[in-house]
N, C-alpha and C. Protein backbone atom coordinates (compact mmCIF):
# COMPACT_ATOMS: atom_id res chain seq x y z
N UNK A 1 -43.81 -168.95 -72.94
CA UNK A 1 -44.80 -169.58 -73.79
C UNK A 1 -45.89 -170.25 -72.95
N UNK A 2 -45.54 -170.78 -71.80
CA UNK A 2 -46.53 -171.43 -70.95
C UNK A 2 -47.58 -170.42 -70.48
N UNK A 3 -47.12 -169.20 -70.17
CA UNK A 3 -48.05 -168.15 -69.74
C UNK A 3 -49.03 -167.83 -70.87
N UNK A 4 -48.52 -167.73 -72.09
CA UNK A 4 -49.37 -167.47 -73.24
C UNK A 4 -50.42 -168.57 -73.42
N UNK A 5 -50.01 -169.81 -73.30
CA UNK A 5 -50.93 -170.94 -73.45
C UNK A 5 -52.03 -170.90 -72.38
N UNK A 6 -51.63 -170.57 -71.15
CA UNK A 6 -52.61 -170.47 -70.07
C UNK A 6 -53.62 -169.36 -70.36
N UNK A 7 -53.13 -168.21 -70.78
CA UNK A 7 -54.00 -167.08 -71.09
C UNK A 7 -54.92 -167.44 -72.26
N UNK A 8 -54.37 -168.09 -73.27
CA UNK A 8 -55.17 -168.46 -74.43
C UNK A 8 -56.32 -169.41 -74.04
N UNK A 9 -56.04 -170.34 -73.14
CA UNK A 9 -57.09 -171.26 -72.68
C UNK A 9 -58.19 -170.49 -71.95
N UNK A 10 -57.79 -169.48 -71.17
CA UNK A 10 -58.78 -168.64 -70.48
C UNK A 10 -59.64 -167.88 -71.48
N UNK A 11 -58.99 -167.33 -72.51
CA UNK A 11 -59.71 -166.60 -73.54
C UNK A 11 -60.69 -167.52 -74.25
N UNK A 12 -60.25 -168.70 -74.62
CA UNK A 12 -61.13 -169.66 -75.29
C UNK A 12 -62.31 -170.04 -74.40
N UNK A 13 -62.06 -170.19 -73.12
CA UNK A 13 -63.13 -170.52 -72.19
C UNK A 13 -64.17 -169.39 -72.15
N UNK A 14 -63.69 -168.15 -72.10
CA UNK A 14 -64.59 -167.00 -72.08
C UNK A 14 -65.37 -166.90 -73.39
N UNK A 15 -64.71 -167.17 -74.52
CA UNK A 15 -65.40 -167.14 -75.82
C UNK A 15 -66.50 -168.21 -75.86
N UNK A 16 -66.22 -169.38 -75.30
CA UNK A 16 -67.23 -170.45 -75.26
C UNK A 16 -68.43 -170.02 -74.42
N UNK A 17 -68.16 -169.37 -73.29
CA UNK A 17 -69.24 -168.88 -72.43
C UNK A 17 -70.04 -167.79 -73.14
N UNK A 18 -69.33 -166.89 -73.81
CA UNK A 18 -70.01 -165.81 -74.54
C UNK A 18 -70.88 -166.39 -75.65
N UNK A 19 -70.38 -167.37 -76.36
CA UNK A 19 -71.16 -168.01 -77.44
C UNK A 19 -72.44 -168.64 -76.88
N UNK A 20 -72.29 -169.34 -75.75
CA UNK A 20 -73.46 -169.97 -75.13
C UNK A 20 -74.48 -168.92 -74.72
N UNK A 21 -74.02 -167.82 -74.13
CA UNK A 21 -74.93 -166.73 -73.73
C UNK A 21 -75.65 -166.16 -74.95
N UNK A 22 -74.92 -165.98 -76.05
CA UNK A 22 -75.53 -165.45 -77.28
C UNK A 22 -76.61 -166.40 -77.79
N UNK A 23 -76.30 -167.68 -77.82
CA UNK A 23 -77.27 -168.67 -78.30
C UNK A 23 -78.50 -168.68 -77.40
N UNK A 24 -78.29 -168.65 -76.09
CA UNK A 24 -79.42 -168.63 -75.15
C UNK A 24 -80.28 -167.39 -75.35
N UNK A 25 -79.63 -166.25 -75.55
CA UNK A 25 -80.35 -165.00 -75.79
C UNK A 25 -81.19 -165.10 -77.06
N UNK A 26 -80.58 -165.59 -78.15
CA UNK A 26 -81.31 -165.70 -79.41
C UNK A 26 -82.49 -166.68 -79.30
N UNK A 27 -82.27 -167.79 -78.63
CA UNK A 27 -83.37 -168.75 -78.43
C UNK A 27 -84.53 -168.11 -77.69
N UNK A 28 -84.23 -167.38 -76.64
CA UNK A 28 -85.27 -166.70 -75.86
C UNK A 28 -86.02 -165.70 -76.73
N UNK A 29 -85.29 -164.90 -77.48
CA UNK A 29 -85.93 -163.90 -78.33
C UNK A 29 -86.74 -164.54 -79.45
N UNK A 30 -86.21 -165.61 -80.03
CA UNK A 30 -86.94 -166.29 -81.11
C UNK A 30 -88.23 -166.92 -80.60
N UNK A 31 -88.18 -167.49 -79.41
CA UNK A 31 -89.38 -168.11 -78.85
C UNK A 31 -90.45 -167.08 -78.55
N UNK A 32 -90.05 -165.86 -78.25
CA UNK A 32 -91.04 -164.81 -77.98
C UNK A 32 -91.45 -164.05 -79.25
N UNK A 33 -90.88 -164.44 -80.40
CA UNK A 33 -91.20 -163.77 -81.66
C UNK A 33 -91.65 -164.76 -82.73
N UNK A 34 -92.40 -165.77 -82.34
CA UNK A 34 -92.91 -166.76 -83.30
C UNK A 34 -91.80 -167.42 -84.11
N UNK A 35 -90.67 -167.62 -83.49
CA UNK A 35 -89.53 -168.36 -84.06
C UNK A 35 -88.86 -167.67 -85.24
N UNK A 36 -89.10 -166.37 -85.44
CA UNK A 36 -88.46 -165.65 -86.54
C UNK A 36 -88.31 -164.17 -86.18
N UNK A 37 -87.14 -163.63 -86.47
CA UNK A 37 -86.88 -162.20 -86.28
C UNK A 37 -86.37 -161.65 -87.60
N UNK A 38 -87.10 -160.70 -88.16
CA UNK A 38 -86.71 -160.05 -89.40
C UNK A 38 -85.80 -158.88 -89.04
N UNK A 39 -84.60 -158.86 -89.56
CA UNK A 39 -83.67 -157.78 -89.22
C UNK A 39 -83.47 -156.80 -90.37
N UNK A 40 -84.24 -156.94 -91.45
CA UNK A 40 -84.08 -156.03 -92.59
C UNK A 40 -84.52 -154.61 -92.26
N UNK A 41 -85.39 -154.45 -91.27
CA UNK A 41 -85.89 -153.13 -90.91
C UNK A 41 -84.97 -152.41 -89.93
N UNK A 42 -83.93 -153.08 -89.45
CA UNK A 42 -83.05 -152.47 -88.46
C UNK A 42 -82.18 -151.40 -89.11
N UNK A 43 -81.73 -150.46 -88.30
CA UNK A 43 -80.96 -149.33 -88.81
C UNK A 43 -79.65 -149.74 -89.48
N UNK A 44 -78.95 -150.67 -88.90
CA UNK A 44 -77.66 -151.08 -89.43
C UNK A 44 -77.75 -152.49 -89.99
N UNK A 45 -77.14 -152.68 -91.15
CA UNK A 45 -77.12 -154.02 -91.75
C UNK A 45 -76.24 -154.93 -90.89
N UNK A 46 -76.68 -156.16 -90.73
CA UNK A 46 -75.91 -157.16 -90.00
C UNK A 46 -75.31 -158.08 -91.05
N UNK A 47 -74.01 -158.31 -90.97
CA UNK A 47 -73.36 -159.18 -91.94
C UNK A 47 -72.60 -160.29 -91.24
N UNK A 48 -72.48 -161.41 -91.94
CA UNK A 48 -71.69 -162.54 -91.46
C UNK A 48 -70.87 -163.07 -92.64
N UNK A 49 -69.88 -163.87 -92.32
CA UNK A 49 -69.06 -164.48 -93.36
C UNK A 49 -69.74 -165.74 -93.88
N UNK A 50 -69.95 -165.77 -95.17
CA UNK A 50 -70.50 -166.96 -95.83
C UNK A 50 -69.34 -167.77 -96.38
N UNK A 51 -69.28 -169.05 -96.02
CA UNK A 51 -68.14 -169.88 -96.41
C UNK A 51 -68.41 -170.78 -97.61
N UNK A 52 -69.50 -170.54 -98.30
CA UNK A 52 -69.86 -171.41 -99.41
C UNK A 52 -70.80 -172.52 -99.01
N UNK A 53 -71.03 -172.68 -97.73
CA UNK A 53 -71.95 -173.70 -97.23
C UNK A 53 -71.59 -175.09 -97.72
N UNK A 54 -72.56 -175.81 -98.23
CA UNK A 54 -72.33 -177.17 -98.72
C UNK A 54 -71.67 -177.16 -100.10
N UNK A 55 -71.49 -175.98 -100.65
CA UNK A 55 -70.89 -175.84 -101.97
C UNK A 55 -69.76 -174.82 -101.92
N UNK A 56 -68.62 -175.19 -101.32
CA UNK A 56 -67.53 -174.22 -101.20
C UNK A 56 -67.03 -173.72 -102.55
N UNK A 57 -67.33 -174.44 -103.61
CA UNK A 57 -66.92 -173.98 -104.94
C UNK A 57 -67.66 -172.70 -105.34
N UNK A 58 -68.73 -172.38 -104.61
CA UNK A 58 -69.45 -171.15 -104.90
C UNK A 58 -68.72 -169.93 -104.33
N UNK A 59 -67.59 -170.20 -103.73
CA UNK A 59 -66.77 -169.15 -103.13
C UNK A 59 -67.39 -168.64 -101.84
N UNK A 60 -66.87 -167.56 -101.34
CA UNK A 60 -67.35 -167.04 -100.07
C UNK A 60 -67.65 -165.56 -100.19
N UNK A 61 -68.29 -165.05 -99.18
CA UNK A 61 -68.65 -163.65 -99.12
C UNK A 61 -68.46 -163.23 -97.67
N UNK A 62 -67.51 -162.35 -97.42
CA UNK A 62 -67.24 -161.95 -96.04
C UNK A 62 -68.27 -160.96 -95.51
N UNK A 63 -69.12 -160.43 -96.39
CA UNK A 63 -70.14 -159.48 -95.96
C UNK A 63 -71.51 -159.90 -96.47
N UNK A 64 -71.94 -161.08 -96.12
CA UNK A 64 -73.26 -161.55 -96.52
C UNK A 64 -74.29 -160.98 -95.54
N UNK A 65 -75.21 -160.21 -96.07
CA UNK A 65 -76.19 -159.51 -95.25
C UNK A 65 -77.25 -160.48 -94.70
N UNK A 66 -77.48 -160.36 -93.40
CA UNK A 66 -78.49 -161.18 -92.73
C UNK A 66 -79.85 -160.48 -92.88
N UNK A 67 -80.86 -161.23 -93.34
CA UNK A 67 -82.19 -160.63 -93.43
C UNK A 67 -83.12 -161.15 -92.34
N UNK A 68 -82.84 -162.35 -91.82
CA UNK A 68 -83.70 -162.89 -90.75
C UNK A 68 -82.95 -163.94 -89.94
N UNK A 69 -83.43 -164.15 -88.74
CA UNK A 69 -82.94 -165.20 -87.84
C UNK A 69 -84.16 -166.03 -87.50
N UNK A 70 -84.04 -167.35 -87.57
CA UNK A 70 -85.21 -168.18 -87.31
C UNK A 70 -84.80 -169.55 -86.77
N UNK A 71 -85.78 -170.26 -86.24
CA UNK A 71 -85.57 -171.62 -85.76
C UNK A 71 -85.96 -172.61 -86.86
N UNK A 72 -85.10 -173.59 -87.08
CA UNK A 72 -85.39 -174.65 -88.04
C UNK A 72 -85.04 -175.97 -87.38
N UNK A 73 -86.06 -176.75 -87.07
CA UNK A 73 -85.87 -178.03 -86.38
C UNK A 73 -85.06 -177.86 -85.09
N UNK A 74 -85.33 -176.78 -84.36
CA UNK A 74 -84.66 -176.54 -83.09
C UNK A 74 -83.31 -175.86 -83.19
N UNK A 75 -82.79 -175.69 -84.41
CA UNK A 75 -81.50 -175.02 -84.61
C UNK A 75 -81.72 -173.57 -85.03
N UNK A 76 -80.81 -172.70 -84.63
CA UNK A 76 -80.90 -171.30 -85.03
C UNK A 76 -80.23 -171.16 -86.39
N UNK A 77 -80.97 -170.60 -87.34
CA UNK A 77 -80.45 -170.40 -88.69
C UNK A 77 -80.58 -168.94 -89.08
N UNK A 78 -79.78 -168.56 -90.05
CA UNK A 78 -79.83 -167.22 -90.59
C UNK A 78 -80.28 -167.30 -92.04
N UNK A 79 -81.09 -166.35 -92.45
CA UNK A 79 -81.41 -166.17 -93.85
C UNK A 79 -80.48 -165.06 -94.31
N UNK A 80 -79.47 -165.41 -95.09
CA UNK A 80 -78.49 -164.44 -95.55
C UNK A 80 -78.58 -164.32 -97.07
N UNK A 81 -77.95 -163.31 -97.61
CA UNK A 81 -78.10 -163.08 -99.04
C UNK A 81 -77.55 -164.22 -99.89
N UNK A 82 -76.66 -165.02 -99.36
CA UNK A 82 -76.06 -166.12 -100.12
C UNK A 82 -76.71 -167.47 -99.86
N UNK A 83 -77.54 -167.56 -98.82
CA UNK A 83 -78.10 -168.85 -98.44
C UNK A 83 -79.34 -168.62 -97.56
N UNK A 84 -80.40 -169.36 -97.83
CA UNK A 84 -81.64 -169.18 -97.06
C UNK A 84 -81.61 -169.85 -95.69
N UNK A 85 -80.78 -170.87 -95.53
CA UNK A 85 -80.73 -171.59 -94.26
C UNK A 85 -79.26 -171.83 -93.89
N UNK A 86 -78.71 -170.87 -93.17
CA UNK A 86 -77.30 -170.89 -92.81
C UNK A 86 -77.19 -171.02 -91.29
N UNK A 87 -76.70 -172.13 -90.81
CA UNK A 87 -76.63 -172.39 -89.37
C UNK A 87 -75.69 -171.42 -88.67
N UNK A 88 -76.08 -171.00 -87.47
CA UNK A 88 -75.18 -170.12 -86.71
C UNK A 88 -73.91 -170.86 -86.29
N UNK A 89 -73.92 -172.17 -86.40
CA UNK A 89 -72.71 -172.93 -86.09
C UNK A 89 -71.60 -172.64 -87.09
N UNK A 90 -71.95 -172.04 -88.23
CA UNK A 90 -70.97 -171.75 -89.29
C UNK A 90 -70.34 -170.37 -89.12
N UNK A 91 -70.83 -169.57 -88.18
CA UNK A 91 -70.26 -168.24 -87.98
C UNK A 91 -69.45 -168.21 -86.69
N UNK A 92 -68.48 -167.31 -86.65
CA UNK A 92 -67.64 -167.24 -85.46
C UNK A 92 -68.34 -166.47 -84.34
N UNK A 93 -67.76 -166.51 -83.17
CA UNK A 93 -68.38 -165.92 -81.98
C UNK A 93 -68.52 -164.40 -82.12
N UNK A 94 -67.56 -163.73 -82.74
CA UNK A 94 -67.66 -162.29 -82.93
C UNK A 94 -68.87 -161.94 -83.79
N UNK A 95 -69.08 -162.71 -84.86
CA UNK A 95 -70.23 -162.47 -85.73
C UNK A 95 -71.54 -162.79 -85.00
N UNK A 96 -71.53 -163.85 -84.21
CA UNK A 96 -72.71 -164.22 -83.44
C UNK A 96 -73.07 -163.09 -82.47
N UNK A 97 -72.06 -162.51 -81.84
CA UNK A 97 -72.28 -161.39 -80.93
C UNK A 97 -72.91 -160.21 -81.69
N UNK A 98 -72.44 -159.94 -82.91
CA UNK A 98 -73.00 -158.85 -83.71
C UNK A 98 -74.46 -159.10 -84.04
N UNK A 99 -74.80 -160.35 -84.33
CA UNK A 99 -76.20 -160.71 -84.60
C UNK A 99 -77.03 -160.44 -83.35
N UNK A 100 -76.55 -160.88 -82.19
CA UNK A 100 -77.27 -160.66 -80.92
C UNK A 100 -77.43 -159.18 -80.63
N UNK A 101 -76.38 -158.43 -80.85
CA UNK A 101 -76.40 -157.00 -80.58
C UNK A 101 -77.46 -156.33 -81.45
N UNK A 102 -77.52 -156.73 -82.73
CA UNK A 102 -78.53 -156.16 -83.64
C UNK A 102 -79.94 -156.50 -83.17
N UNK A 103 -80.14 -157.73 -82.72
CA UNK A 103 -81.46 -158.14 -82.22
C UNK A 103 -81.81 -157.32 -80.98
N UNK A 104 -80.86 -157.15 -80.08
CA UNK A 104 -81.11 -156.37 -78.87
C UNK A 104 -81.45 -154.92 -79.22
N UNK A 105 -80.65 -154.30 -80.07
CA UNK A 105 -80.85 -152.89 -80.40
C UNK A 105 -82.12 -152.65 -81.21
N UNK A 106 -82.48 -153.59 -82.07
CA UNK A 106 -83.64 -153.40 -82.92
C UNK A 106 -84.94 -153.92 -82.37
N UNK A 107 -84.91 -154.56 -81.22
CA UNK A 107 -86.12 -155.14 -80.64
C UNK A 107 -87.18 -154.06 -80.43
N UNK A 108 -88.37 -154.24 -81.04
CA UNK A 108 -89.42 -153.22 -80.90
C UNK A 108 -90.22 -153.36 -79.60
N UNK A 109 -90.60 -152.22 -79.07
CA UNK A 109 -91.46 -152.15 -77.89
C UNK A 109 -92.65 -151.29 -78.30
N UNK A 110 -93.83 -151.88 -78.28
CA UNK A 110 -95.01 -151.24 -78.84
C UNK A 110 -96.13 -151.11 -77.81
N UNK A 111 -96.78 -149.97 -77.89
CA UNK A 111 -98.02 -149.73 -77.14
C UNK A 111 -98.86 -148.82 -78.03
N UNK A 112 -99.99 -149.30 -78.48
CA UNK A 112 -100.84 -148.50 -79.36
C UNK A 112 -100.11 -148.11 -80.64
N UNK A 113 -100.06 -146.80 -80.89
CA UNK A 113 -99.38 -146.27 -82.08
C UNK A 113 -97.88 -146.06 -81.86
N UNK A 114 -97.44 -146.24 -80.64
CA UNK A 114 -96.03 -145.98 -80.30
C UNK A 114 -95.20 -147.24 -80.40
N UNK A 115 -94.16 -147.17 -81.20
CA UNK A 115 -93.17 -148.24 -81.29
C UNK A 115 -91.80 -147.61 -81.19
N UNK A 116 -91.02 -148.12 -80.23
CA UNK A 116 -89.64 -147.63 -80.06
C UNK A 116 -88.71 -148.82 -80.00
N UNK A 117 -87.43 -148.54 -80.13
CA UNK A 117 -86.38 -149.55 -79.96
C UNK A 117 -85.15 -148.83 -79.41
N UNK A 118 -84.20 -149.59 -78.99
CA UNK A 118 -82.95 -148.99 -78.53
C UNK A 118 -82.28 -148.23 -79.68
N UNK A 119 -82.40 -148.77 -80.89
CA UNK A 119 -81.83 -148.09 -82.07
C UNK A 119 -82.47 -146.74 -82.29
N UNK A 120 -83.79 -146.64 -82.08
CA UNK A 120 -84.47 -145.35 -82.23
C UNK A 120 -83.89 -144.35 -81.25
N UNK A 121 -83.72 -144.77 -80.01
CA UNK A 121 -83.19 -143.86 -78.98
C UNK A 121 -81.75 -143.48 -79.26
N UNK A 122 -80.99 -144.39 -79.85
CA UNK A 122 -79.59 -144.09 -80.15
C UNK A 122 -79.42 -143.29 -81.43
N UNK A 123 -80.50 -143.13 -82.20
CA UNK A 123 -80.40 -142.34 -83.43
C UNK A 123 -81.08 -140.98 -83.29
N UNK A 124 -81.47 -140.62 -82.08
CA UNK A 124 -82.04 -139.29 -81.85
C UNK A 124 -80.98 -138.23 -82.15
N UNK A 125 -81.41 -136.99 -82.43
CA UNK A 125 -80.43 -135.92 -82.68
C UNK A 125 -79.38 -135.81 -81.57
N UNK A 126 -79.84 -136.01 -80.34
CA UNK A 126 -78.92 -136.09 -79.19
C UNK A 126 -79.08 -137.52 -78.66
N UNK A 127 -78.25 -138.45 -79.13
CA UNK A 127 -78.48 -139.87 -78.87
C UNK A 127 -78.33 -140.29 -77.41
N UNK A 128 -79.13 -141.29 -77.07
CA UNK A 128 -79.10 -141.87 -75.73
C UNK A 128 -78.24 -143.13 -75.74
N UNK A 129 -77.61 -143.41 -74.61
CA UNK A 129 -76.85 -144.65 -74.42
C UNK A 129 -77.78 -145.66 -73.76
N UNK A 130 -78.27 -146.61 -74.54
CA UNK A 130 -79.30 -147.53 -74.06
C UNK A 130 -78.74 -148.79 -73.43
N UNK A 131 -77.45 -148.84 -73.18
CA UNK A 131 -76.86 -150.06 -72.61
C UNK A 131 -77.50 -150.45 -71.28
N UNK A 132 -78.00 -149.47 -70.54
CA UNK A 132 -78.60 -149.76 -69.22
C UNK A 132 -80.11 -149.99 -69.32
N UNK A 133 -80.68 -149.87 -70.51
CA UNK A 133 -82.13 -149.94 -70.67
C UNK A 133 -82.60 -151.39 -70.77
N UNK A 134 -83.28 -151.85 -69.73
CA UNK A 134 -83.83 -153.21 -69.75
C UNK A 134 -85.08 -153.22 -70.63
N UNK A 135 -85.54 -154.42 -70.96
CA UNK A 135 -86.77 -154.54 -71.73
C UNK A 135 -87.95 -153.93 -70.99
N UNK A 136 -87.98 -154.09 -69.68
CA UNK A 136 -89.06 -153.52 -68.87
C UNK A 136 -89.06 -152.00 -68.96
N UNK A 137 -87.89 -151.40 -68.86
CA UNK A 137 -87.78 -149.94 -68.97
C UNK A 137 -88.25 -149.48 -70.35
N UNK A 138 -87.82 -150.19 -71.40
CA UNK A 138 -88.20 -149.81 -72.76
C UNK A 138 -89.72 -149.90 -72.94
N UNK A 139 -90.33 -150.95 -72.44
CA UNK A 139 -91.78 -151.10 -72.59
C UNK A 139 -92.52 -150.04 -71.79
N UNK A 140 -92.01 -149.70 -70.61
CA UNK A 140 -92.62 -148.65 -69.80
C UNK A 140 -92.56 -147.31 -70.52
N UNK A 141 -91.45 -147.02 -71.16
CA UNK A 141 -91.32 -145.77 -71.92
C UNK A 141 -92.37 -145.74 -73.04
N UNK A 142 -92.47 -146.83 -73.79
CA UNK A 142 -93.45 -146.89 -74.89
C UNK A 142 -94.87 -146.67 -74.36
N UNK A 143 -95.20 -147.31 -73.25
CA UNK A 143 -96.54 -147.17 -72.65
C UNK A 143 -96.80 -145.75 -72.18
N UNK A 144 -95.81 -145.15 -71.52
CA UNK A 144 -95.97 -143.78 -71.02
C UNK A 144 -96.14 -142.79 -72.17
N UNK A 145 -95.36 -142.95 -73.22
CA UNK A 145 -95.48 -142.06 -74.38
C UNK A 145 -96.88 -142.20 -74.99
N UNK A 146 -97.31 -143.43 -75.18
CA UNK A 146 -98.64 -143.66 -75.77
C UNK A 146 -99.74 -143.04 -74.92
N UNK A 147 -99.66 -143.22 -73.61
CA UNK A 147 -100.69 -142.66 -72.72
C UNK A 147 -100.74 -141.14 -72.81
N UNK A 148 -99.59 -140.49 -72.89
CA UNK A 148 -99.56 -139.03 -72.97
C UNK A 148 -99.98 -138.51 -74.33
N UNK A 149 -99.88 -139.35 -75.36
CA UNK A 149 -100.20 -138.91 -76.72
C UNK A 149 -101.66 -139.08 -77.08
N UNK A 150 -102.45 -139.78 -76.28
CA UNK A 150 -103.84 -140.08 -76.64
C UNK A 150 -104.65 -138.84 -77.01
N UNK A 151 -104.56 -137.79 -76.20
CA UNK A 151 -105.34 -136.59 -76.53
C UNK A 151 -104.81 -135.92 -77.80
N UNK A 152 -103.51 -136.00 -78.03
CA UNK A 152 -102.94 -135.42 -79.25
C UNK A 152 -103.43 -136.16 -80.49
N UNK A 153 -103.55 -137.48 -80.38
CA UNK A 153 -104.10 -138.25 -81.51
C UNK A 153 -105.55 -137.86 -81.77
N UNK A 154 -106.32 -137.62 -80.71
CA UNK A 154 -107.71 -137.18 -80.87
C UNK A 154 -107.76 -135.80 -81.54
N UNK A 155 -106.90 -134.90 -81.10
CA UNK A 155 -106.86 -133.55 -81.68
C UNK A 155 -106.47 -133.60 -83.16
N UNK A 156 -105.55 -134.52 -83.48
CA UNK A 156 -105.16 -134.66 -84.88
C UNK A 156 -106.35 -135.17 -85.71
N UNK A 157 -107.08 -136.12 -85.16
CA UNK A 157 -108.22 -136.71 -85.85
C UNK A 157 -109.30 -135.66 -86.13
N UNK A 158 -109.53 -134.77 -85.14
CA UNK A 158 -110.58 -133.77 -85.36
C UNK A 158 -110.06 -132.48 -86.02
N UNK A 159 -108.79 -132.46 -86.38
CA UNK A 159 -108.22 -131.32 -87.12
C UNK A 159 -107.74 -130.17 -86.25
N UNK A 160 -107.74 -130.35 -84.95
CA UNK A 160 -107.29 -129.29 -84.05
C UNK A 160 -105.79 -129.03 -84.20
N UNK A 161 -105.01 -130.07 -84.41
CA UNK A 161 -103.56 -129.94 -84.62
C UNK A 161 -103.17 -130.72 -85.88
N UNK A 162 -102.03 -130.33 -86.43
CA UNK A 162 -101.54 -131.00 -87.64
C UNK A 162 -100.72 -132.24 -87.27
N UNK A 163 -100.53 -133.09 -88.25
CA UNK A 163 -99.71 -134.30 -88.05
C UNK A 163 -98.29 -133.92 -87.65
N UNK A 164 -97.78 -132.82 -88.22
CA UNK A 164 -96.42 -132.38 -87.87
C UNK A 164 -96.32 -132.01 -86.39
N UNK A 165 -97.34 -131.34 -85.88
CA UNK A 165 -97.35 -130.96 -84.45
C UNK A 165 -97.43 -132.21 -83.57
N UNK A 166 -98.22 -133.19 -83.99
CA UNK A 166 -98.34 -134.44 -83.23
C UNK A 166 -96.99 -135.15 -83.20
N UNK A 167 -96.33 -135.20 -84.34
CA UNK A 167 -95.01 -135.85 -84.42
C UNK A 167 -93.99 -135.12 -83.55
N UNK A 168 -94.01 -133.82 -83.59
CA UNK A 168 -93.11 -133.01 -82.78
C UNK A 168 -93.34 -133.27 -81.29
N UNK A 169 -94.61 -133.32 -80.90
CA UNK A 169 -94.96 -133.59 -79.49
C UNK A 169 -94.54 -134.99 -79.09
N UNK A 170 -94.72 -135.97 -80.01
CA UNK A 170 -94.33 -137.35 -79.73
C UNK A 170 -92.84 -137.42 -79.37
N UNK A 171 -92.00 -136.76 -80.17
CA UNK A 171 -90.56 -136.78 -79.89
C UNK A 171 -90.24 -136.07 -78.58
N UNK A 172 -90.93 -134.99 -78.29
CA UNK A 172 -90.73 -134.26 -77.04
C UNK A 172 -91.06 -135.14 -75.83
N UNK A 173 -92.20 -135.82 -75.90
CA UNK A 173 -92.61 -136.70 -74.80
C UNK A 173 -91.66 -137.89 -74.70
N UNK A 174 -91.26 -138.45 -75.84
CA UNK A 174 -90.32 -139.57 -75.81
C UNK A 174 -89.04 -139.17 -75.10
N UNK A 175 -88.48 -138.04 -75.46
CA UNK A 175 -87.23 -137.60 -74.82
C UNK A 175 -87.42 -137.42 -73.32
N UNK A 176 -88.50 -136.81 -72.93
CA UNK A 176 -88.76 -136.60 -71.50
C UNK A 176 -88.88 -137.93 -70.76
N UNK A 177 -89.59 -138.89 -71.34
CA UNK A 177 -89.76 -140.20 -70.70
C UNK A 177 -88.44 -140.97 -70.61
N UNK A 178 -87.61 -140.86 -71.64
CA UNK A 178 -86.32 -141.56 -71.62
C UNK A 178 -85.43 -140.98 -70.52
N UNK A 179 -85.40 -139.67 -70.42
CA UNK A 179 -84.61 -139.01 -69.36
C UNK A 179 -85.16 -139.41 -67.99
N UNK A 180 -86.48 -139.41 -67.84
CA UNK A 180 -87.11 -139.78 -66.56
C UNK A 180 -86.79 -141.23 -66.18
N UNK A 181 -86.58 -142.08 -67.19
CA UNK A 181 -86.26 -143.49 -66.94
C UNK A 181 -84.79 -143.68 -66.56
N UNK A 182 -84.02 -142.59 -66.60
CA UNK A 182 -82.62 -142.67 -66.18
C UNK A 182 -81.66 -143.12 -67.27
N UNK A 183 -82.10 -143.07 -68.52
CA UNK A 183 -81.21 -143.44 -69.62
C UNK A 183 -80.41 -142.20 -70.00
N UNK A 184 -79.08 -142.28 -69.92
CA UNK A 184 -78.27 -141.08 -70.16
C UNK A 184 -78.06 -140.78 -71.64
N UNK A 185 -77.79 -139.51 -71.91
CA UNK A 185 -77.34 -139.12 -73.24
C UNK A 185 -75.87 -139.57 -73.37
N UNK A 186 -75.45 -139.91 -74.57
CA UNK A 186 -74.04 -140.26 -74.76
C UNK A 186 -73.13 -139.10 -74.36
N UNK A 187 -73.52 -137.88 -74.72
CA UNK A 187 -72.67 -136.74 -74.44
C UNK A 187 -72.47 -136.50 -72.95
N UNK A 188 -73.41 -136.92 -72.11
CA UNK A 188 -73.27 -136.75 -70.67
C UNK A 188 -72.26 -137.69 -70.05
N UNK A 189 -71.87 -138.71 -70.81
CA UNK A 189 -70.95 -139.72 -70.27
C UNK A 189 -69.50 -139.37 -70.56
N UNK A 190 -69.27 -138.38 -71.38
CA UNK A 190 -67.89 -138.03 -71.77
C UNK A 190 -67.20 -137.20 -70.73
């Protein structure tokens, strides 16, 4: 039993460190996004357990969908389907990690008409594993794609090519740039 207690204390210590890292990550992202991140546009719904808040008689919802993350008086809050201002202190570390993961995967990188995210790359017909993709790499990919697409946008504007051809070329260039950046396909890792 003593060994179990020692291991449990180590686990709790790691969970505390993970929670702090998640909070630091969210604070950094919120500060760079005007103190609010809308997650309704992300590919996968993010859910947390709602405990009834200040009114436990309202019951709970184990799958309350998160629509936004924002700062309120310096605290990180969630706008969830059951409550507009739900403190992250009310959710467990596993749920907090899921919120962070969604923010990381859905973070947009834009240059001109090109906007990509890790979720976009992971939802390609042949999906990429973006775990190694830093923000700098993602922004570089968006910039490179936009630069290569400029003449295609001009051709589309003057009627030389169709919108479908431009879209097809965009995906072709995106895939080439992602591969050139060293981001592997999931299938290559098996």
